PDB file of all heavy atoms in Angstrom:
ATOM      1  N   LEU A   1       3.987  41.990 -64.443  1.00  0.00           N
ATOM      2  CA  LEU A   1       2.672  41.548 -64.904  1.00  0.00           C
ATOM      3  C   LEU A   1       2.745  40.214 -65.646  1.00  0.00           C
ATOM      4  O   LEU A   1       1.911  39.300 -65.433  1.00  0.00           O
ATOM      5  CB  LEU A   1       1.949  42.509 -65.737  1.00  0.00           C
ATOM      6  CG  LEU A   1       1.306  43.720 -65.017  1.00  0.00           C
ATOM      7  CD1 LEU A   1       0.747  44.763 -66.044  1.00  0.00           C
ATOM      8  CD2 LEU A   1       0.146  43.190 -64.132  1.00  0.00           C
ATOM      9  N   MET A   2       3.753  40.072 -66.518  1.00  0.00           N
ATOM     10  CA  MET A   2       3.943  38.893 -67.329  1.00  0.00           C
ATOM     11  C   MET A   2       4.173  37.682 -66.470  1.00  0.00           C
ATOM     12  O   MET A   2       3.519  36.637 -66.586  1.00  0.00           O
ATOM     13  CB  MET A   2       5.040  39.083 -68.306  1.00  0.00           C
ATOM     14  CG  MET A   2       4.806  39.896 -69.491  1.00  0.00           C
ATOM     15  SD  MET A   2       6.218  39.952 -70.633  1.00  0.00           S
ATOM     16  CE  MET A   2       5.697  41.219 -71.680  1.00  0.00           C
ATOM     17  N   VAL A   3       5.122  37.803 -65.500  1.00  0.00           N
ATOM     18  CA  VAL A   3       5.503  36.651 -64.643  1.00  0.00           C
ATOM     19  C   VAL A   3       4.428  36.320 -63.725  1.00  0.00           C
ATOM     20  O   VAL A   3       4.092  35.128 -63.493  1.00  0.00           O
ATOM     21  CB  VAL A   3       6.796  37.004 -63.862  1.00  0.00           C
ATOM     22  CG1 VAL A   3       7.161  35.871 -62.942  1.00  0.00           C
ATOM     23  CG2 VAL A   3       7.952  37.175 -64.922  1.00  0.00           C
ATOM     24  N   THR A   4       3.750  37.294 -63.112  1.00  0.00           N
ATOM     25  CA  THR A   4       2.728  37.088 -62.245  1.00  0.00           C
ATOM     26  C   THR A   4       1.495  36.348 -62.834  1.00  0.00           C
ATOM     27  O   THR A   4       1.003  35.411 -62.344  1.00  0.00           O
ATOM     28  CB  THR A   4       2.179  38.427 -61.551  1.00  0.00           C
ATOM     29  OG1 THR A   4       3.280  39.084 -60.894  1.00  0.00           O
ATOM     30  CG2 THR A   4       1.076  38.221 -60.539  1.00  0.00           C
ATOM     31  N   SER A   5       1.156  36.837 -63.999  1.00  0.00           N
ATOM     32  CA  SER A   5      -0.010  36.200 -64.742  1.00  0.00           C
ATOM     33  C   SER A   5       0.379  34.802 -65.126  1.00  0.00           C
ATOM     34  O   SER A   5      -0.449  33.859 -65.030  1.00  0.00           O
ATOM     35  CB  SER A   5      -0.335  37.031 -65.937  1.00  0.00           C
ATOM     36  OG  SER A   5       0.644  37.119 -66.873  1.00  0.00           O
ATOM     37  N   SER A   6       1.664  34.556 -65.563  1.00  0.00           N
ATOM     38  CA  SER A   6       2.069  33.251 -65.880  1.00  0.00           C
ATOM     39  C   SER A   6       1.967  32.266 -64.724  1.00  0.00           C
ATOM     40  O   SER A   6       1.520  31.126 -64.885  1.00  0.00           O
ATOM     41  CB  SER A   6       3.487  33.198 -66.472  1.00  0.00           C
ATOM     42  OG  SER A   6       3.566  34.056 -67.642  1.00  0.00           O
ATOM     43  N   VAL A   7       2.410  32.750 -63.542  1.00  0.00           N
ATOM     44  CA  VAL A   7       2.431  31.892 -62.359  1.00  0.00           C
ATOM     45  C   VAL A   7       0.964  31.575 -61.936  1.00  0.00           C
ATOM     46  O   VAL A   7       0.608  30.415 -61.660  1.00  0.00           O
ATOM     47  CB  VAL A   7       3.165  32.543 -61.225  1.00  0.00           C
ATOM     48  CG1 VAL A   7       2.900  31.871 -59.894  1.00  0.00           C
ATOM     49  CG2 VAL A   7       4.641  32.601 -61.510  1.00  0.00           C
ATOM     50  N   ILE A   8       0.084  32.592 -62.017  1.00  0.00           N
ATOM     51  CA  ILE A   8      -1.288  32.386 -61.541  1.00  0.00           C
ATOM     52  C   ILE A   8      -1.944  31.411 -62.547  1.00  0.00           C
ATOM     53  O   ILE A   8      -2.679  30.515 -62.136  1.00  0.00           O
ATOM     54  CB  ILE A   8      -2.005  33.708 -61.517  1.00  0.00           C
ATOM     55  CG1 ILE A   8      -1.501  34.604 -60.347  1.00  0.00           C
ATOM     56  CG2 ILE A   8      -3.508  33.505 -61.324  1.00  0.00           C
ATOM     57  CD1 ILE A   8      -2.020  36.018 -60.391  1.00  0.00           C
ATOM     58  N   LEU A   9      -1.815  31.583 -63.808  1.00  0.00           N
ATOM     59  CA  LEU A   9      -2.415  30.709 -64.801  1.00  0.00           C
ATOM     60  C   LEU A   9      -1.888  29.277 -64.675  1.00  0.00           C
ATOM     61  O   LEU A   9      -2.698  28.356 -64.823  1.00  0.00           O
ATOM     62  CB  LEU A   9      -2.183  31.280 -66.218  1.00  0.00           C
ATOM     63  CG  LEU A   9      -2.898  32.543 -66.503  1.00  0.00           C
ATOM     64  CD1 LEU A   9      -2.490  33.148 -67.877  1.00  0.00           C
ATOM     65  CD2 LEU A   9      -4.448  32.338 -66.555  1.00  0.00           C
ATOM     66  N   ALA A  10      -0.615  29.143 -64.474  1.00  0.00           N
ATOM     67  CA  ALA A  10      -0.018  27.803 -64.245  1.00  0.00           C
ATOM     68  C   ALA A  10      -0.570  27.095 -63.071  1.00  0.00           C
ATOM     69  O   ALA A  10      -0.934  25.947 -63.062  1.00  0.00           O
ATOM     70  CB  ALA A  10       1.561  27.881 -64.263  1.00  0.00           C
ATOM     71  N   ALA A  11      -0.744  27.888 -61.990  1.00  0.00           N
ATOM     72  CA  ALA A  11      -1.295  27.366 -60.768  1.00  0.00           C
ATOM     73  C   ALA A  11      -2.794  26.931 -60.971  1.00  0.00           C
ATOM     74  O   ALA A  11      -3.174  25.950 -60.269  1.00  0.00           O
ATOM     75  CB  ALA A  11      -1.230  28.389 -59.606  1.00  0.00           C
ATOM     76  N   LEU A  12      -3.463  27.616 -61.810  1.00  0.00           N
ATOM     77  CA  LEU A  12      -4.862  27.227 -62.101  1.00  0.00           C
ATOM     78  C   LEU A  12      -5.012  26.082 -63.058  1.00  0.00           C
ATOM     79  O   LEU A  12      -6.107  25.694 -63.369  1.00  0.00           O
ATOM     80  CB  LEU A  12      -5.684  28.471 -62.552  1.00  0.00           C
ATOM     81  CG  LEU A  12      -5.773  29.641 -61.604  1.00  0.00           C
ATOM     82  CD1 LEU A  12      -6.386  30.857 -62.236  1.00  0.00           C
ATOM     83  CD2 LEU A  12      -6.597  29.196 -60.363  1.00  0.00           C
ATOM     84  N   GLY A  13      -3.852  25.664 -63.588  1.00  0.00           N
ATOM     85  CA  GLY A  13      -3.872  24.484 -64.472  1.00  0.00           C
ATOM     86  C   GLY A  13      -3.903  24.763 -65.938  1.00  0.00           C
ATOM     87  O   GLY A  13      -4.078  23.907 -66.780  1.00  0.00           O
ATOM     88  N   TYR A  14      -3.703  26.063 -66.361  1.00  0.00           N
ATOM     89  CA  TYR A  14      -3.659  26.435 -67.713  1.00  0.00           C
ATOM     90  C   TYR A  14      -2.325  26.124 -68.308  1.00  0.00           C
ATOM     91  O   TYR A  14      -1.344  26.013 -67.632  1.00  0.00           O
ATOM     92  CB  TYR A  14      -3.986  27.882 -67.930  1.00  0.00           C
ATOM     93  CG  TYR A  14      -5.440  28.242 -67.586  1.00  0.00           C
ATOM     94  CD1 TYR A  14      -5.818  28.784 -66.395  1.00  0.00           C
ATOM     95  CD2 TYR A  14      -6.423  28.067 -68.551  1.00  0.00           C
ATOM     96  CE1 TYR A  14      -7.135  29.061 -66.063  1.00  0.00           C
ATOM     97  CE2 TYR A  14      -7.792  28.333 -68.305  1.00  0.00           C
ATOM     98  CZ  TYR A  14      -8.115  28.816 -67.001  1.00  0.00           C
ATOM     99  OH  TYR A  14      -9.373  29.146 -66.715  1.00  0.00           O
ATOM    100  N   GLY A  15      -2.281  25.910 -69.686  1.00  0.00           N
ATOM    101  CA  GLY A  15      -1.107  25.591 -70.302  1.00  0.00           C
ATOM    102  C   GLY A  15      -0.327  26.724 -70.959  1.00  0.00           C
ATOM    103  O   GLY A  15      -0.655  27.846 -70.771  1.00  0.00           O
ATOM    104  N   VAL A  16       0.601  26.335 -71.866  1.00  0.00           N
ATOM    105  CA  VAL A  16       1.448  27.377 -72.541  1.00  0.00           C
ATOM    106  C   VAL A  16       0.659  28.341 -73.360  1.00  0.00           C
ATOM    107  O   VAL A  16       0.945  29.498 -73.398  1.00  0.00           O
ATOM    108  CB  VAL A  16       2.494  26.612 -73.410  1.00  0.00           C
ATOM    109  CG1 VAL A  16       3.312  27.572 -74.229  1.00  0.00           C
ATOM    110  CG2 VAL A  16       3.462  25.859 -72.487  1.00  0.00           C
ATOM    111  N   THR A  17      -0.332  27.814 -74.099  1.00  0.00           N
ATOM    112  CA  THR A  17      -1.112  28.717 -75.037  1.00  0.00           C
ATOM    113  C   THR A  17      -1.782  29.874 -74.218  1.00  0.00           C
ATOM    114  O   THR A  17      -1.699  31.047 -74.636  1.00  0.00           O
ATOM    115  CB  THR A  17      -2.162  27.911 -75.742  1.00  0.00           C
ATOM    116  OG1 THR A  17      -1.542  26.811 -76.480  1.00  0.00           O
ATOM    117  CG2 THR A  17      -2.915  28.818 -76.739  1.00  0.00           C
ATOM    118  N   THR A  18      -2.449  29.513 -73.112  1.00  0.00           N
ATOM    119  CA  THR A  18      -3.106  30.582 -72.353  1.00  0.00           C
ATOM    120  C   THR A  18      -2.102  31.499 -71.726  1.00  0.00           C
ATOM    121  O   THR A  18      -2.374  32.781 -71.701  1.00  0.00           O
ATOM    122  CB  THR A  18      -3.939  29.914 -71.218  1.00  0.00           C
ATOM    123  OG1 THR A  18      -4.861  28.971 -71.821  1.00  0.00           O
ATOM    124  CG2 THR A  18      -4.736  30.960 -70.541  1.00  0.00           C
ATOM    125  N   ILE A  19      -0.984  31.028 -71.274  1.00  0.00           N
ATOM    126  CA  ILE A  19       0.042  31.848 -70.668  1.00  0.00           C
ATOM    127  C   ILE A  19       0.587  32.871 -71.737  1.00  0.00           C
ATOM    128  O   ILE A  19       0.799  33.999 -71.407  1.00  0.00           O
ATOM    129  CB  ILE A  19       1.204  30.977 -70.125  1.00  0.00           C
ATOM    130  CG1 ILE A  19       0.666  30.240 -68.879  1.00  0.00           C
ATOM    131  CG2 ILE A  19       2.384  31.800 -69.762  1.00  0.00           C
ATOM    132  CD1 ILE A  19       1.695  29.230 -68.304  1.00  0.00           C
ATOM    133  N   MET A  20       0.800  32.384 -72.940  1.00  0.00           N
ATOM    134  CA  MET A  20       1.376  33.253 -73.909  1.00  0.00           C
ATOM    135  C   MET A  20       0.303  34.296 -74.433  1.00  0.00           C
ATOM    136  O   MET A  20       0.599  35.389 -74.808  1.00  0.00           O
ATOM    137  CB  MET A  20       1.862  32.419 -75.130  1.00  0.00           C
ATOM    138  CG  MET A  20       3.018  31.498 -74.741  1.00  0.00           C
ATOM    139  SD  MET A  20       4.119  31.162 -76.127  1.00  0.00           S
ATOM    140  CE  MET A  20       4.931  32.681 -76.415  1.00  0.00           C
ATOM    141  N   LEU A  21      -0.917  33.864 -74.364  1.00  0.00           N
ATOM    142  CA  LEU A  21      -2.006  34.867 -74.651  1.00  0.00           C
ATOM    143  C   LEU A  21      -1.996  35.999 -73.653  1.00  0.00           C
ATOM    144  O   LEU A  21      -2.142  37.220 -74.043  1.00  0.00           O
ATOM    145  CB  LEU A  21      -3.394  34.184 -74.710  1.00  0.00           C
ATOM    146  CG  LEU A  21      -4.599  35.032 -74.945  1.00  0.00           C
ATOM    147  CD1 LEU A  21      -4.463  35.675 -76.338  1.00  0.00           C
ATOM    148  CD2 LEU A  21      -5.884  34.274 -74.838  1.00  0.00           C
ATOM    149  N   SER A  22      -1.820  35.656 -72.364  1.00  0.00           N
ATOM    150  CA  SER A  22      -1.783  36.710 -71.334  1.00  0.00           C
ATOM    151  C   SER A  22      -0.572  37.627 -71.568  1.00  0.00           C
ATOM    152  O   SER A  22      -0.643  38.797 -71.291  1.00  0.00           O
ATOM    153  CB  SER A  22      -1.748  36.046 -69.910  1.00  0.00           C
ATOM    154  OG  SER A  22      -0.441  35.410 -69.739  1.00  0.00           O
ATOM    155  N   THR A  23       0.550  36.999 -72.084  1.00  0.00           N
ATOM    156  CA  THR A  23       1.758  37.854 -72.362  1.00  0.00           C
ATOM    157  C   THR A  23       1.447  38.815 -73.455  1.00  0.00           C
ATOM    158  O   THR A  23       1.867  39.959 -73.375  1.00  0.00           O
ATOM    159  CB  THR A  23       2.857  36.850 -72.781  1.00  0.00           C
ATOM    160  OG1 THR A  23       3.190  35.994 -71.659  1.00  0.00           O
ATOM    161  CG2 THR A  23       4.103  37.705 -73.121  1.00  0.00           C
ATOM    162  N   VAL A  24       0.752  38.481 -74.478  1.00  0.00           N
ATOM    163  CA  VAL A  24       0.364  39.360 -75.581  1.00  0.00           C
ATOM    164  C   VAL A  24      -0.442  40.536 -75.018  1.00  0.00           C
ATOM    165  O   VAL A  24      -0.231  41.720 -75.431  1.00  0.00           O
ATOM    166  CB  VAL A  24      -0.393  38.616 -76.661  1.00  0.00           C
ATOM    167  CG1 VAL A  24      -0.923  39.602 -77.700  1.00  0.00           C
ATOM    168  CG2 VAL A  24       0.496  37.553 -77.351  1.00  0.00           C
ATOM    169  N   ILE A  25      -1.320  40.219 -74.076  1.00  0.00           N
ATOM    170  CA  ILE A  25      -2.192  41.282 -73.572  1.00  0.00           C
ATOM    171  C   ILE A  25      -1.352  42.293 -72.727  1.00  0.00           C
ATOM    172  O   ILE A  25      -1.506  43.527 -72.859  1.00  0.00           O
ATOM    173  CB  ILE A  25      -3.277  40.672 -72.656  1.00  0.00           C
ATOM    174  CG1 ILE A  25      -4.242  39.844 -73.489  1.00  0.00           C
ATOM    175  CG2 ILE A  25      -4.036  41.730 -71.883  1.00  0.00           C
ATOM    176  CD1 ILE A  25      -5.279  39.003 -72.677  1.00  0.00           C
ATOM    177  N   VAL A  26      -0.361  41.711 -71.956  1.00  0.00           N
ATOM    178  CA  VAL A  26       0.501  42.602 -71.226  1.00  0.00           C
ATOM    179  C   VAL A  26       1.371  43.477 -72.096  1.00  0.00           C
ATOM    180  O   VAL A  26       1.546  44.601 -71.790  1.00  0.00           O
ATOM    181  CB  VAL A  26       1.403  41.749 -70.293  1.00  0.00           C
ATOM    182  CG1 VAL A  26       2.433  42.646 -69.550  1.00  0.00           C
ATOM    183  CG2 VAL A  26       0.556  41.066 -69.220  1.00  0.00           C
ATOM    184  N   VAL A  27       1.866  42.921 -73.213  1.00  0.00           N
ATOM    185  CA  VAL A  27       2.653  43.663 -74.166  1.00  0.00           C
ATOM    186  C   VAL A  27       1.771  44.849 -74.755  1.00  0.00           C
ATOM    187  O   VAL A  27       2.287  45.939 -74.927  1.00  0.00           O
ATOM    188  CB  VAL A  27       3.179  42.807 -75.274  1.00  0.00           C
ATOM    189  CG1 VAL A  27       3.844  43.660 -76.389  1.00  0.00           C
ATOM    190  CG2 VAL A  27       4.161  41.771 -74.704  1.00  0.00           C
ATOM    191  N   GLY A  28       0.579  44.592 -75.035  1.00  0.00           N
ATOM    192  CA  GLY A  28      -0.359  45.601 -75.526  1.00  0.00           C
ATOM    193  C   GLY A  28      -0.541  46.712 -74.518  1.00  0.00           C
ATOM    194  O   GLY A  28      -0.525  47.942 -74.814  1.00  0.00           O
ATOM    195  N   LEU A  29      -0.620  46.425 -73.203  1.00  0.00           N
ATOM    196  CA  LEU A  29      -0.814  47.406 -72.166  1.00  0.00           C
ATOM    197  C   LEU A  29       0.496  48.208 -72.023  1.00  0.00           C
ATOM    198  O   LEU A  29       0.455  49.415 -71.808  1.00  0.00           O
ATOM    199  CB  LEU A  29      -1.162  46.707 -70.860  1.00  0.00           C
ATOM    200  CG  LEU A  29      -2.476  45.994 -70.797  1.00  0.00           C
ATOM    201  CD1 LEU A  29      -2.673  45.267 -69.447  1.00  0.00           C
ATOM    202  CD2 LEU A  29      -3.613  47.056 -70.905  1.00  0.00           C
ATOM    203  N   THR A  30       1.637  47.559 -72.194  1.00  0.00           N
ATOM    204  CA  THR A  30       2.968  48.172 -72.152  1.00  0.00           C
ATOM    205  C   THR A  30       3.087  49.232 -73.270  1.00  0.00           C
ATOM    206  O   THR A  30       3.618  50.322 -73.076  1.00  0.00           O
ATOM    207  CB  THR A  30       4.063  47.168 -72.193  1.00  0.00           C
ATOM    208  OG1 THR A  30       3.895  46.261 -71.152  1.00  0.00           O
ATOM    209  CG2 THR A  30       5.416  47.801 -72.055  1.00  0.00           C
ATOM    210  N   LEU A  31       2.569  48.886 -74.427  1.00  0.00           N
ATOM    211  CA  LEU A  31       2.641  49.781 -75.581  1.00  0.00           C
ATOM    212  C   LEU A  31       1.789  51.005 -75.298  1.00  0.00           C
ATOM    213  O   LEU A  31       2.249  52.135 -75.557  1.00  0.00           O
ATOM    214  CB  LEU A  31       2.082  49.068 -76.802  1.00  0.00           C
ATOM    215  CG  LEU A  31       1.842  49.914 -78.084  1.00  0.00           C
ATOM    216  CD1 LEU A  31       3.112  50.669 -78.553  1.00  0.00           C
ATOM    217  CD2 LEU A  31       1.178  49.102 -79.170  1.00  0.00           C
ATOM    218  N   MET A  32       0.639  50.914 -74.728  1.00  0.00           N
ATOM    219  CA  MET A  32      -0.222  52.027 -74.329  1.00  0.00           C
ATOM    220  C   MET A  32       0.515  52.873 -73.334  1.00  0.00           C
ATOM    221  O   MET A  32       0.490  54.130 -73.437  1.00  0.00           O
ATOM    222  CB  MET A  32      -1.568  51.545 -73.858  1.00  0.00           C
ATOM    223  CG  MET A  32      -2.393  50.800 -74.878  1.00  0.00           C
ATOM    224  SD  MET A  32      -3.896  50.091 -74.113  1.00  0.00           S
ATOM    225  CE  MET A  32      -4.762  51.562 -73.526  1.00  0.00           C
ATOM    226  N   ALA A  33       1.113  52.277 -72.335  1.00  0.00           N
ATOM    227  CA  ALA A  33       1.850  53.115 -71.312  1.00  0.00           C
ATOM    228  C   ALA A  33       2.963  53.791 -71.939  1.00  0.00           C
ATOM    229  O   ALA A  33       3.250  55.028 -71.540  1.00  0.00           O
ATOM    230  CB  ALA A  33       2.360  52.129 -70.189  1.00  0.00           C
ATOM    231  N   SER A  34       3.711  53.238 -72.865  1.00  0.00           N
ATOM    232  CA  SER A  34       4.808  53.978 -73.535  1.00  0.00           C
ATOM    233  C   SER A  34       4.349  55.120 -74.329  1.00  0.00           C
ATOM    234  O   SER A  34       5.037  56.200 -74.337  1.00  0.00           O
ATOM    235  CB  SER A  34       5.576  52.992 -74.410  1.00  0.00           C
ATOM    236  OG  SER A  34       6.059  51.920 -73.697  1.00  0.00           O
ATOM    237  N   ILE A  35       3.245  55.022 -75.056  1.00  0.00           N
ATOM    238  CA  ILE A  35       2.760  56.125 -75.853  1.00  0.00           C
ATOM    239  C   ILE A  35       2.338  57.293 -74.910  1.00  0.00           C
ATOM    240  O   ILE A  35       2.693  58.427 -75.215  1.00  0.00           O
ATOM    241  CB  ILE A  35       1.500  55.621 -76.610  1.00  0.00           C
ATOM    242  CG1 ILE A  35       1.887  54.653 -77.682  1.00  0.00           C
ATOM    243  CG2 ILE A  35       0.815  56.853 -77.260  1.00  0.00           C
ATOM    244  CD1 ILE A  35       0.705  53.971 -78.375  1.00  0.00           C
ATOM    245  N   ILE A  36       1.662  56.994 -73.776  1.00  0.00           N
ATOM    246  CA  ILE A  36       1.293  58.092 -72.803  1.00  0.00           C
ATOM    247  C   ILE A  36       2.546  58.707 -72.278  1.00  0.00           C
ATOM    248  O   ILE A  36       2.549  60.064 -72.185  1.00  0.00           O
ATOM    249  CB  ILE A  36       0.451  57.410 -71.668  1.00  0.00           C
ATOM    250  CG1 ILE A  36      -0.890  56.890 -72.288  1.00  0.00           C
ATOM    251  CG2 ILE A  36       0.226  58.475 -70.570  1.00  0.00           C
ATOM    252  CD1 ILE A  36      -1.695  56.108 -71.191  1.00  0.00           C
ATOM    253  N   ALA A  37       3.585  57.991 -72.012  1.00  0.00           N
ATOM    254  CA  ALA A  37       4.790  58.586 -71.430  1.00  0.00           C
ATOM    255  C   ALA A  37       5.499  59.518 -72.375  1.00  0.00           C
ATOM    256  O   ALA A  37       5.884  60.655 -72.040  1.00  0.00           O
ATOM    257  CB  ALA A  37       5.791  57.494 -70.952  1.00  0.00           C
ATOM    258  N   VAL A  38       5.585  59.143 -73.651  1.00  0.00           N
ATOM    259  CA  VAL A  38       6.219  60.005 -74.653  1.00  0.00           C
ATOM    260  C   VAL A  38       5.430  61.271 -74.867  1.00  0.00           C
ATOM    261  O   VAL A  38       6.023  62.346 -75.007  1.00  0.00           O
ATOM    262  CB  VAL A  38       6.381  59.189 -75.998  1.00  0.00           C
ATOM    263  CG1 VAL A  38       6.831  60.163 -77.097  1.00  0.00           C
ATOM    264  CG2 VAL A  38       7.461  58.103 -75.821  1.00  0.00           C
ATOM    265  N   ARG A  39       4.078  61.182 -74.890  1.00  0.00           N
ATOM    266  CA  ARG A  39       3.274  62.340 -75.143  1.00  0.00           C
ATOM    267  C   ARG A  39       3.439  63.388 -74.016  1.00  0.00           C
ATOM    268  O   ARG A  39       3.239  64.593 -74.273  1.00  0.00           O
ATOM    269  CB  ARG A  39       1.818  61.922 -75.204  1.00  0.00           C
ATOM    270  CG  ARG A  39       1.390  61.282 -76.539  1.00  0.00           C
ATOM    271  CD  ARG A  39      -0.098  60.962 -76.567  1.00  0.00           C
ATOM    272  NE  ARG A  39      -0.578  60.536 -77.835  1.00  0.00           N
ATOM    273  CZ  ARG A  39      -0.941  61.310 -78.834  1.00  0.00           C
ATOM    274  NH1 ARG A  39      -0.845  62.639 -78.765  1.00  0.00           N
ATOM    275  NH2 ARG A  39      -1.318  60.794 -80.027  1.00  0.00           N
ATOM    276  N   ARG A  40       3.804  62.968 -72.807  1.00  0.00           N
ATOM    277  CA  ARG A  40       3.941  63.837 -71.717  1.00  0.00           C
ATOM    278  C   ARG A  40       5.147  64.751 -71.774  1.00  0.00           C
ATOM    279  O   ARG A  40       5.161  65.856 -71.217  1.00  0.00           O
ATOM    280  CB  ARG A  40       3.959  63.113 -70.358  1.00  0.00           C
ATOM    281  CG  ARG A  40       2.525  62.532 -70.044  1.00  0.00           C
ATOM    282  CD  ARG A  40       2.502  61.850 -68.646  1.00  0.00           C
ATOM    283  NE  ARG A  40       1.229  61.450 -68.275  1.00  0.00           N
ATOM    284  CZ  ARG A  40       0.944  60.786 -67.197  1.00  0.00           C
ATOM    285  NH1 ARG A  40       1.928  60.401 -66.375  1.00  0.00           N
ATOM    286  NH2 ARG A  40      -0.315  60.432 -66.874  1.00  0.00           N
ATOM    287  N   PHE A  41       6.267  64.260 -72.377  1.00  0.00           N
ATOM    288  CA  PHE A  41       7.456  65.130 -72.323  1.00  0.00           C
ATOM    289  C   PHE A  41       7.969  65.556 -73.742  1.00  0.00           C
ATOM    290  O   PHE A  41       9.007  66.191 -73.828  1.00  0.00           O
ATOM    291  CB  PHE A  41       8.630  64.486 -71.517  1.00  0.00           C
ATOM    292  CG  PHE A  41       9.207  63.217 -72.077  1.00  0.00           C
ATOM    293  CD1 PHE A  41      10.178  63.280 -73.006  1.00  0.00           C
ATOM    294  CD2 PHE A  41       8.731  62.044 -71.667  1.00  0.00           C
ATOM    295  CE1 PHE A  41      10.772  62.094 -73.451  1.00  0.00           C
ATOM    296  CE2 PHE A  41       9.292  60.805 -72.176  1.00  0.00           C
ATOM    297  CZ  PHE A  41      10.296  60.896 -73.083  1.00  0.00           C
ATOM    298  N   ILE A  42       7.189  65.230 -74.774  1.00  0.00           N
ATOM    299  CA  ILE A  42       7.501  65.809 -76.134  1.00  0.00           C
ATOM    300  C   ILE A  42       6.283  66.550 -76.557  1.00  0.00           C
ATOM    301  O   ILE A  42       5.216  65.945 -76.926  1.00  0.00           O
ATOM    302  CB  ILE A  42       7.834  64.631 -77.078  1.00  0.00           C
ATOM    303  CG1 ILE A  42       9.066  63.896 -76.645  1.00  0.00           C
ATOM    304  CG2 ILE A  42       8.155  65.312 -78.475  1.00  0.00           C
ATOM    305  CD1 ILE A  42       9.479  62.832 -77.592  1.00  0.00           C
ATOM    306  N   SER A  43       6.281  67.832 -76.375  1.00  0.00           N
ATOM    307  CA  SER A  43       5.094  68.701 -76.578  1.00  0.00           C
ATOM    308  C   SER A  43       4.459  68.582 -77.981  1.00  0.00           C
ATOM    309  O   SER A  43       3.265  68.601 -78.123  1.00  0.00           O
ATOM    310  CB  SER A  43       5.401  70.181 -76.244  1.00  0.00           C
ATOM    311  OG  SER A  43       6.432  70.606 -77.103  1.00  0.00           O
TER     312      SER A  43
END
């Protein structure tokens, strides 16, 4: 997700700031996925 969003944003003409903002959003989504995974196998 990070690399794909970076490539798409760069192709659309956005700079480093916007690309890094998209990275922060992906990291937040990854955190949520990790929480869900741990809840499933630790009762």
